[in-house]
Amino acid sequence: SSYARIQAFLEREIPSFLIHANTQKAAMAHGLGHL
């Protein structure tokens, strides 16, 4: 079904998106710590 395909897509894409966002947040916090 298309629902299963969407779910598989989200399970594949969202973790990398969240990891990327958390990495950016950590990098920003790290950068601000040096100011």
Protein backbone atom coordinates (compact mmCIF):
# COMPACT_ATOMS: atom_id res chain seq x y z
CA SER A 1 0.00 0.00 0.00
CA SER A 2 1.07 3.61 -0.39
CA TYR A 3 0.85 4.05 3.39
CA ALA A 4 3.54 1.43 3.95
CA ARG A 5 5.69 3.11 1.31
CA ILE A 6 5.26 6.51 2.99
CA GLN A 7 6.05 5.01 6.39
CA ALA A 8 9.21 3.37 5.04
CA PHE A 9 10.23 6.67 3.46
CA LEU A 10 9.72 8.56 6.72
CA GLU A 11 11.59 5.94 8.75
CA ARG A 12 14.49 6.27 6.33
CA GLU A 13 14.52 10.06 5.98
CA ILE A 14 13.51 11.48 9.36
CA PRO A 15 16.33 10.00 11.48
CA SER A 16 18.98 11.51 9.19
CA PHE A 17 17.09 14.81 9.22
CA LEU A 18 16.95 14.82 13.02
CA ILE A 19 20.61 13.86 13.32
CA HIS A 20 21.51 16.68 10.94
CA ALA A 21 19.43 19.19 12.89
CA ASN A 22 20.93 18.07 16.22
CA THR A 23 24.43 18.27 14.74
CA GLN A 24 23.77 21.81 13.55
CA LYS A 25 22.37 22.76 16.97
CA ALA A 26 25.40 21.28 18.73
CA ALA A 27 27.76 23.04 16.33
CA MET A 28 25.99 26.35 16.93
CA ALA A 29 26.10 25.92 20.71
CA HIS A 30 29.78 25.00 20.46
CA GLY A 31 30.46 28.07 18.33
CA LEU A 32 28.59 30.35 20.74
CA GLY A 33 30.64 28.93 23.59
CA HIS A 34 33.76 30.37 21.93
CA LEU A 35 32.39 33.91 21.67
